[in-house]
Amino acid sequence: MPALRRLIPFALVLALVAGCGSTKHATTTPASPAGLLGTDAKVLYSGGDWAVVTRGDRVVAAHLENGAWRADRSGIVKVSVLGPGKRAAARPQVAAEISGPSRIVEEGLWIDGVELLEKGGGVKPSLVTVYGAPDANLKPGSHVAVAYGRTQDHGTAVAWTFTVA
């Protein structure tokens, strides 16, 4: 009987150690949304389960779904570029119209990866125009602008290039 009493604490410790750290399902941190466009892609924006990822003049709106980042290429949210065109002033105004089947809940504008302070509004919550300009003049040459907008369930990002003479 004394040997059995000595085994009981040992058995309890063994049971506790065996149960430590075990879970029913493994928990993993989702990979960066940058992986959607390759190793040298840049995340312009990441907030909650949405992100904007760019690589050169390619861009996607990414949504975290079931633990994995997916590019939203549904086209349900429309982003129409209003400016600048192919050629722009040294301090261009970037503008886009964003529309969707429901309220636009988020939007953003960037030039060369730098977010612009934007303003905007619209005649209804599902149709907005946003615009902004850089804080300083841009250097002559080619630049990339990005516009992004999303509803609760879908998002779109577009990129375009323009030249400052």
Protein backbone atom coordinates (compact mmCIF):
# COMPACT_ATOMS: atom_id res chain seq x y z
CA MET A 1 0.00 0.00 0.00
CA PRO A 2 2.78 2.56 0.72
CA ALA A 3 4.19 1.95 -2.79
CA LEU A 4 0.78 2.69 -4.28
CA ARG A 5 0.59 5.97 -2.33
CA ARG A 6 3.92 7.02 -3.83
CA LEU A 7 2.70 6.20 -7.35
CA ILE A 8 -0.47 8.31 -7.12
CA PRO A 9 1.35 11.72 -7.08
CA PHE A 10 3.63 10.51 -9.87
CA ALA A 11 0.62 9.47 -11.97
CA LEU A 12 -1.05 12.86 -11.38
CA VAL A 13 2.08 14.76 -12.48
CA LEU A 14 2.38 12.54 -15.55
CA ALA A 15 -1.26 13.22 -16.49
CA LEU A 16 -0.78 16.99 -16.09
CA VAL A 17 2.37 17.03 -18.22
CA ALA A 18 0.72 14.96 -20.94
CA GLY A 19 -2.20 17.40 -21.12
CA CYS A 20 -0.15 20.63 -21.17
CA GLY A 21 -0.25 22.53 -24.44
CA SER A 22 -2.62 20.17 -26.16
CA THR A 23 -5.59 21.63 -27.97
CA LYS A 24 -8.32 20.14 -30.05
CA HIS A 25 -7.22 22.19 -33.09
CA ALA A 26 -3.85 23.67 -33.87
CA THR A 27 -3.79 27.45 -33.96
CA THR A 28 -1.68 29.12 -36.63
CA THR A 29 -1.04 32.71 -37.48
CA PRO A 30 -2.06 33.47 -41.08
CA ALA A 31 0.77 34.25 -43.45
CA SER A 32 1.18 37.84 -44.56
CA PRO A 33 -1.20 38.97 -47.30
CA ALA A 34 1.90 40.10 -49.23
CA GLY A 35 2.33 36.51 -50.36
CA LEU A 36 -0.59 37.00 -52.74
CA LEU A 37 1.62 38.99 -55.12
CA GLY A 38 5.04 37.45 -54.47
CA THR A 39 8.01 37.80 -52.21
CA ASP A 40 8.77 41.45 -52.96
CA ALA A 41 5.17 42.65 -52.54
CA LYS A 42 4.38 45.42 -50.07
CA VAL A 43 1.40 45.71 -47.75
CA LEU A 44 0.10 49.27 -48.12
CA TYR A 45 -2.66 48.83 -45.59
CA SER A 46 -3.68 46.19 -43.09
CA GLY A 47 -6.66 46.64 -40.81
CA GLY A 48 -8.62 43.84 -39.23
CA ASP A 49 -9.33 41.21 -41.84
CA TRP A 50 -8.66 43.45 -44.87
CA ALA A 51 -5.41 44.52 -46.52
CA VAL A 52 -4.14 46.23 -49.67
CA VAL A 53 -1.10 44.59 -51.26
CA THR A 54 0.97 46.02 -54.11
CA ARG A 55 3.86 44.95 -56.28
CA GLY A 56 4.91 47.50 -58.87
CA ASP A 57 1.74 48.56 -60.64
CA ARG A 58 -0.23 45.46 -59.55
CA VAL A 59 -2.52 45.64 -56.54
CA VAL A 60 -5.14 43.52 -54.79
CA ALA A 61 -7.61 43.98 -51.99
CA ALA A 62 -7.05 41.01 -49.68
CA HIS A 63 -9.54 39.52 -47.22
CA LEU A 64 -8.73 37.14 -44.38
CA GLU A 65 -11.18 34.24 -44.69
CA ASN A 66 -11.06 31.04 -42.63
CA GLY A 67 -7.49 31.77 -41.56
CA ALA A 68 -6.10 32.42 -45.06
CA TRP A 69 -5.59 35.61 -47.07
CA ARG A 70 -7.47 35.68 -50.37
CA ALA A 71 -7.48 38.30 -53.10
CA ASP A 72 -10.97 39.68 -53.74
CA ARG A 73 -11.22 39.67 -57.51
CA SER A 74 -15.02 39.56 -57.54
CA GLY A 75 -15.36 43.05 -59.03
CA ILE A 76 -18.44 43.63 -56.88
CA VAL A 77 -17.00 46.91 -55.61
CA LYS A 78 -16.16 49.23 -58.51
CA VAL A 79 -13.26 51.70 -58.37
CA SER A 80 -13.15 54.20 -61.23
CA VAL A 81 -10.04 56.37 -61.58
CA LEU A 82 -10.84 60.06 -61.96
CA GLY A 83 -7.27 61.35 -61.92
CA PRO A 84 -4.53 61.94 -62.52
CA GLY A 85 -4.30 60.87 -66.13
CA LYS A 86 -1.10 59.83 -67.93
CA ARG A 87 0.60 63.18 -67.24
CA ALA A 88 0.30 65.10 -64.00
CA ALA A 89 1.45 68.22 -62.22
CA ALA A 90 4.20 67.96 -59.62
CA ARG A 91 1.54 67.93 -56.89
CA PRO A 92 -1.29 65.94 -58.50
CA GLN A 93 -4.72 65.42 -57.10
CA VAL A 94 -5.60 61.72 -56.96
CA ALA A 95 -9.30 60.96 -57.18
CA ALA A 96 -11.51 57.90 -57.54
CA GLU A 97 -15.19 57.04 -57.52
CA ILE A 98 -16.07 53.96 -55.47
CA SER A 99 -19.39 52.16 -55.71
CA GLY A 100 -20.87 48.96 -54.41
CA PRO A 101 -24.11 47.13 -53.67
CA SER A 102 -24.06 48.40 -50.07
CA ARG A 103 -22.42 51.07 -47.90
CA ILE A 104 -18.75 51.81 -48.64
CA VAL A 105 -17.14 51.32 -45.23
CA GLU A 106 -13.50 52.01 -46.05
CA GLU A 107 -11.37 53.67 -48.73
CA GLY A 108 -7.79 54.73 -49.27
CA LEU A 109 -5.47 56.48 -51.73
CA TRP A 110 -1.69 56.14 -52.14
CA ILE A 111 1.09 57.48 -54.37
CA ASP A 112 4.28 55.42 -54.50
CA GLY A 113 3.24 53.56 -51.35
CA VAL A 114 2.59 56.72 -49.31
CA GLU A 115 -0.97 57.10 -48.06
CA LEU A 116 -2.70 60.36 -48.88
CA LEU A 117 -4.91 62.28 -46.52
CA GLU A 118 -8.17 61.98 -48.40
CA LYS A 119 -11.47 63.79 -48.39
CA GLY A 120 -14.68 62.80 -50.02
CA GLY A 121 -18.35 62.16 -49.91
CA GLY A 122 -21.22 61.09 -52.04
CA VAL A 123 -24.89 61.32 -52.79
CA LYS A 124 -25.52 57.96 -51.14
CA PRO A 125 -23.49 55.63 -48.87
CA SER A 126 -22.89 53.12 -51.68
CA LEU A 127 -21.42 55.72 -54.08
CA VAL A 128 -18.57 57.94 -52.91
CA THR A 129 -15.82 60.04 -54.45
CA VAL A 130 -12.51 60.36 -52.62
CA TYR A 131 -9.60 62.64 -53.44
CA GLY A 132 -6.28 63.71 -52.01
CA ALA A 133 -2.87 65.12 -52.89
CA PRO A 134 0.67 64.50 -51.67
CA ASP A 135 2.15 66.79 -49.00
CA ALA A 136 4.97 67.88 -51.31
CA ASN A 137 5.79 68.02 -55.00
CA LEU A 138 6.69 64.71 -56.64
CA LYS A 139 9.99 64.25 -58.46
CA PRO A 140 9.85 64.10 -62.24
CA GLY A 141 9.32 60.61 -63.60
CA SER A 142 6.88 57.71 -63.34
CA HIS A 143 4.69 57.23 -60.26
CA VAL A 144 2.12 54.64 -59.14
CA ALA A 145 -1.22 55.62 -57.64
CA VAL A 146 -3.55 53.20 -55.83
CA ALA A 147 -7.21 53.57 -54.91
CA TYR A 148 -9.06 51.13 -52.62
CA GLY A 149 -12.60 50.78 -51.42
CA ARG A 150 -14.71 48.14 -49.75
CA THR A 151 -18.10 47.28 -48.43
CA GLN A 152 -18.57 44.97 -45.45
CA ASP A 153 -18.09 41.88 -47.63
CA HIS A 154 -16.15 42.85 -50.77
CA GLY A 155 -13.26 45.11 -51.73
CA THR A 156 -11.37 46.29 -54.79
CA ALA A 157 -8.05 48.03 -55.29
CA VAL A 158 -6.76 49.48 -58.56
CA ALA A 159 -3.35 50.83 -59.50
CA TRP A 160 -2.29 53.06 -62.37
CA THR A 161 0.81 54.90 -63.43
CA PHE A 162 1.28 58.53 -64.34
CA THR A 163 4.24 60.73 -65.21
CA VAL A 164 5.35 64.02 -63.72
CA ALA A 165 7.34 66.05 -66.28
